[in-house]
Amino acid sequence: LNAERKVHQLYRWNQGKLPRIDAVYGVGAPYFEGLSAPWVCGPANFLNVSYPLSLLKASILDVWLGCYPDVPEDNDELLVIHLTRYPSYFLVDQMHPLLSREDELIMDDLQKFPVLSLPDGAFPKIQHHLQGLGFQRSTVGAIRHEVSCWEGRTEDQVTVSYGTVHTISNFGGAKVPLPLSTGLTVGDSLVVDRRFADSDHFRRLLINLSERARALSETLEDLECCSDPFDFLSNTITP
């Protein structure tokens, strides 16, 4: 079965017959909408790094748009091309008590509220950073009841979660960023089998997605493009 998958993948790349691309949750829409043929776009709803990587290595998926820093390092098998960088936010309800604070927020202020935890091991590097800030709870739940913080509110209205320039719009304005940095920079990164990175199909895809990244950087204040991906491509592929 694995050998057959590899043959099918070679056919997709060599003939340009419906190569497959997918993405982590929240990232796919601005890149995949209206993506020209021959690409077949997945639902862009991966909530971890291990599963899409396994599909890539098994020749089921041809290109994956992942979330930096939880993408692999360049190696003999995979090539990683970074498109953008942007901050990760703490997101809260519009009426969250922390938004009414007049003094400057610090990390300890967040410990009074439940903090949404990522699934264990889903995004290891991001999880490690958040744990370093003291957010290690595996479940959502308050430790102590404080009338000024909780009275008249549901747990969802006081829970602190995370978001980015890509995902904040999914909340329809119900969630807003806290004026406190997570200190975490994330980004959009393409991962492809190194054997196919010099193909015309991948180069055309890279042109398309890098143009979309530049367009996003003009409309989203916190999003910045990385250096020219084609410079990176030419410097990392051995003729």
Protein backbone atom coordinates (compact mmCIF):
# COMPACT_ATOMS: atom_id res chain seq x y z
CA LEU A 1 0.00 0.00 0.00
CA ASN A 2 2.80 2.43 0.87
CA ALA A 3 4.56 1.68 -2.41
CA GLU A 4 1.32 2.32 -4.29
CA ARG A 5 0.89 5.64 -2.50
CA LYS A 6 4.37 6.69 -3.57
CA VAL A 7 3.62 5.82 -7.19
CA HIS A 8 0.38 7.82 -7.05
CA GLN A 9 2.23 10.76 -5.57
CA LEU A 10 4.88 10.67 -8.30
CA TYR A 11 2.08 10.73 -10.87
CA ARG A 12 0.41 13.70 -9.18
CA TRP A 13 3.64 15.69 -9.15
CA ASN A 14 4.93 14.69 -12.60
CA GLN A 15 1.62 15.13 -14.40
CA GLY A 16 0.12 17.89 -12.26
CA LYS A 17 -2.89 15.70 -11.59
CA LEU A 18 -4.67 16.94 -8.47
CA PRO A 19 -1.79 17.31 -5.98
CA ARG A 20 -3.03 17.68 -2.43
CA ILE A 21 -2.47 20.54 0.00
CA ASP A 22 -3.86 21.01 3.50
CA ALA A 23 -3.26 23.30 6.46
CA VAL A 24 -3.49 23.76 10.19
CA TYR A 25 -6.75 25.17 11.58
CA GLY A 26 -7.34 28.85 10.92
CA VAL A 27 -4.67 29.26 8.27
CA GLY A 28 -6.12 27.66 5.15
CA ALA A 29 -8.86 30.10 4.14
CA PRO A 30 -6.77 33.16 3.16
CA TYR A 31 -4.37 30.96 1.17
CA PHE A 32 -6.63 28.30 -0.34
CA GLU A 33 -9.68 30.31 -1.39
CA GLY A 34 -9.78 30.29 -5.16
CA LEU A 35 -6.43 28.50 -5.42
CA SER A 36 -5.93 27.68 -9.07
CA ALA A 37 -5.86 24.18 -10.52
CA PRO A 38 -4.50 21.56 -10.23
CA TRP A 39 -4.39 21.79 -6.45
CA VAL A 40 -6.91 19.96 -4.29
CA CYS A 41 -7.31 21.75 -0.95
CA GLY A 42 -8.16 19.92 2.24
CA PRO A 43 -10.47 21.28 4.96
CA ALA A 44 -7.60 23.01 6.81
CA ASN A 45 -8.71 21.82 10.24
CA PHE A 46 -5.67 20.04 11.65
CA LEU A 47 -5.35 20.65 15.39
CA ASN A 48 -1.95 19.06 15.82
CA VAL A 49 1.37 18.73 14.06
CA SER A 50 1.94 14.96 14.15
CA TYR A 51 -1.00 13.86 11.99
CA PRO A 52 -0.40 16.07 8.93
CA LEU A 53 3.30 15.22 9.09
CA SER A 54 2.45 11.53 9.07
CA LEU A 55 0.25 12.07 5.98
CA LEU A 56 3.07 13.97 4.29
CA LYS A 57 5.62 11.26 5.02
CA ALA A 58 3.19 8.54 3.87
CA SER A 59 2.76 10.27 0.47
CA ILE A 60 -0.94 10.87 1.14
CA LEU A 61 -0.50 14.65 1.40
CA ASP A 62 1.78 16.56 -0.98
CA VAL A 63 2.15 19.95 0.71
CA TRP A 64 1.25 21.07 4.23
CA LEU A 65 0.82 24.65 5.41
CA GLY A 66 1.82 24.45 9.05
CA CYS A 67 2.13 26.80 12.00
CA TYR A 68 5.63 27.94 12.95
CA PRO A 69 7.36 27.12 15.31
CA ASP A 70 5.68 23.69 15.27
CA VAL A 71 7.01 22.67 11.90
CA PRO A 72 9.97 20.36 11.33
CA GLU A 73 13.50 21.56 10.83
CA ASP A 74 14.92 21.25 7.33
CA ASN A 75 16.26 17.76 6.77
CA ASP A 76 17.14 15.37 3.96
CA GLU A 77 13.48 14.52 3.39
CA LEU A 78 11.51 17.71 4.05
CA LEU A 79 11.94 21.33 3.01
CA VAL A 80 10.32 24.09 5.09
CA ILE A 81 9.69 27.54 3.60
CA HIS A 82 8.53 30.26 5.98
CA LEU A 83 6.01 32.71 4.54
CA THR A 84 4.97 34.95 7.45
CA ARG A 85 5.39 35.80 11.12
CA TYR A 86 2.81 37.31 13.50
CA PRO A 87 2.13 37.43 17.25
CA SER A 88 -0.10 35.12 19.21
CA TYR A 89 -2.73 36.87 21.35
CA PHE A 90 -4.49 36.20 24.61
CA LEU A 91 -8.19 36.38 23.68
CA VAL A 92 -11.01 37.19 26.10
CA ASP A 93 -14.71 38.05 26.02
CA GLN A 94 -15.52 41.69 25.25
CA MET A 95 -16.82 42.12 28.81
CA HIS A 96 -13.94 40.34 30.52
CA PRO A 97 -12.95 41.89 33.88
CA LEU A 98 -9.30 42.15 32.83
CA LEU A 99 -10.26 44.68 30.14
CA SER A 100 -11.51 47.08 32.78
CA ARG A 101 -8.19 47.16 34.62
CA GLU A 102 -6.67 50.64 34.70
CA ASP A 103 -3.18 49.53 35.64
CA GLU A 104 -0.85 47.54 33.36
CA LEU A 105 -1.59 43.82 33.15
CA ILE A 106 0.97 41.22 34.16
CA MET A 107 0.93 37.44 33.74
CA ASP A 108 -0.09 36.86 37.35
CA ASP A 109 -3.38 38.67 36.66
CA LEU A 110 -4.40 35.89 34.28
CA GLN A 111 -3.98 33.21 36.93
CA LYS A 112 -7.27 34.28 38.56
CA PHE A 113 -9.15 32.95 35.55
CA PRO A 114 -9.42 29.62 33.73
CA VAL A 115 -7.02 29.39 30.82
CA LEU A 116 -7.80 27.22 27.83
CA SER A 117 -5.15 24.55 27.43
CA LEU A 118 -3.93 23.11 24.17
CA PRO A 119 -4.29 19.33 23.78
CA ASP A 120 -1.19 17.76 25.29
CA GLY A 121 1.50 17.31 22.63
CA ALA A 122 -0.57 18.83 19.81
CA PHE A 123 1.80 21.76 19.26
CA PRO A 124 4.82 20.91 21.45
CA LYS A 125 6.87 24.09 21.00
CA ILE A 126 3.90 26.40 21.51
CA GLN A 127 2.81 24.32 24.50
CA HIS A 128 6.29 24.54 26.01
CA HIS A 129 6.25 28.34 25.71
CA LEU A 130 2.83 28.64 27.35
CA GLN A 131 3.82 26.29 30.16
CA GLY A 132 6.83 28.49 30.75
CA LEU A 133 4.37 31.32 31.44
CA GLY A 134 2.67 29.20 34.07
CA PHE A 135 -0.30 27.97 32.02
CA GLN A 136 -0.08 24.27 32.66
CA ARG A 137 -3.66 23.36 33.47
CA SER A 138 -5.05 20.49 31.43
CA THR A 139 -8.68 21.42 32.08
CA VAL A 140 -10.61 24.66 32.23
CA GLY A 141 -11.81 25.59 35.68
CA ALA A 142 -11.53 28.34 38.24
CA ILE A 143 -9.55 27.80 41.43
CA ARG A 144 -11.35 30.40 43.55
CA HIS A 145 -14.58 32.30 43.16
CA GLU A 146 -14.22 36.06 43.19
CA VAL A 147 -17.46 38.04 43.04
CA SER A 148 -15.89 40.97 41.18
CA CYS A 149 -14.55 38.65 38.51
CA TRP A 150 -17.22 35.98 38.19
CA GLU A 151 -20.60 37.19 39.37
CA GLY A 152 -23.14 37.19 36.54
CA ARG A 153 -20.75 35.59 34.08
CA THR A 154 -20.42 32.08 32.71
CA GLU A 155 -17.14 30.22 32.58
CA ASP A 156 -16.87 30.89 28.84
CA GLN A 157 -17.05 34.60 29.47
CA VAL A 158 -14.03 34.60 31.76
CA THR A 159 -11.89 31.92 30.13
CA VAL A 160 -8.66 33.18 28.57
CA SER A 161 -7.89 31.58 25.21
CA TYR A 162 -5.43 32.12 22.37
CA GLY A 163 -5.68 33.50 18.87
CA THR A 164 -3.84 35.00 15.92
CA VAL A 165 -4.51 37.39 13.06
CA HIS A 166 -5.98 34.41 11.19
CA THR A 167 -8.30 33.04 13.88
CA ILE A 168 -9.61 36.13 15.66
CA SER A 169 -12.19 36.75 12.92
CA ASN A 170 -13.69 33.31 13.59
CA PHE A 171 -15.17 34.66 16.83
CA GLY A 172 -17.28 37.27 15.06
CA GLY A 173 -16.13 40.06 17.36
CA ALA A 174 -17.06 38.18 20.54
CA LYS A 175 -13.40 37.81 21.53
CA VAL A 176 -10.78 40.56 21.66
CA PRO A 177 -7.02 40.55 22.39
CA LEU A 178 -5.80 41.42 25.85
CA PRO A 179 -3.31 44.29 26.07
CA LEU A 180 -0.67 41.80 27.22
CA SER A 181 1.79 40.00 24.98
CA THR A 182 2.11 36.23 25.03
CA GLY A 183 5.71 36.69 23.93
CA LEU A 184 5.06 34.03 21.29
CA THR A 185 5.65 34.58 17.58
CA VAL A 186 4.00 32.16 15.18
CA GLY A 187 3.73 32.03 11.40
CA ASP A 188 2.73 30.27 8.20
CA SER A 189 5.23 27.77 6.83
CA LEU A 190 5.05 25.46 3.82
CA VAL A 191 6.35 21.91 4.25
CA VAL A 192 7.06 19.76 1.19
CA ASP A 193 9.00 16.64 0.31
CA ARG A 194 12.40 17.91 -0.81
CA ARG A 195 12.24 15.75 -3.96
CA PHE A 196 9.36 17.83 -5.32
CA ALA A 197 10.36 21.31 -4.17
CA ASP A 198 12.05 22.15 -7.48
CA SER A 199 9.10 21.12 -9.61
CA ASP A 200 7.22 23.64 -11.73
CA HIS A 201 3.99 22.80 -9.89
CA PHE A 202 5.48 23.66 -6.52
CA ARG A 203 7.13 26.82 -7.81
CA ARG A 204 3.83 28.08 -9.21
CA LEU A 205 2.16 27.23 -5.90
CA LEU A 206 4.88 29.14 -4.05
CA ILE A 207 4.38 32.18 -6.29
CA ASN A 208 0.65 32.12 -5.57
CA LEU A 209 0.93 31.67 -1.80
CA SER A 210 3.77 34.17 -1.37
CA GLU A 211 1.68 36.76 -3.24
CA ARG A 212 -1.20 36.06 -0.88
CA ALA A 213 1.14 36.42 2.09
CA ARG A 214 2.24 39.84 0.82
CA ALA A 215 -1.39 40.87 0.36
CA LEU A 216 -2.15 39.77 3.93
CA SER A 217 0.77 41.82 5.24
CA GLU A 218 -0.81 44.92 3.68
CA THR A 219 -4.20 44.37 5.33
CA LEU A 220 -3.25 42.77 8.66
CA GLU A 221 -1.20 45.12 10.83
CA ASP A 222 0.60 42.47 12.88
CA LEU A 223 1.51 40.13 9.99
CA GLU A 224 4.90 40.39 8.33
CA CYS A 225 6.28 38.48 5.35
CA CYS A 226 9.50 36.56 5.66
CA SER A 227 12.36 37.05 3.22
CA ASP A 228 11.79 36.18 -0.43
CA PRO A 229 10.89 32.47 -0.46
CA PHE A 230 12.50 31.99 -3.87
CA ASP A 231 15.88 33.12 -2.53
CA PHE A 232 15.48 30.53 0.18
CA LEU A 233 14.43 27.91 -2.36
CA SER A 234 17.39 28.53 -4.65
CA ASN A 235 19.83 28.42 -1.73
CA THR A 236 18.55 25.18 -0.25
CA ILE A 237 17.92 22.96 -3.28
CA THR A 238 21.01 21.28 -4.67
CA PRO A 239 21.01 21.31 -8.49
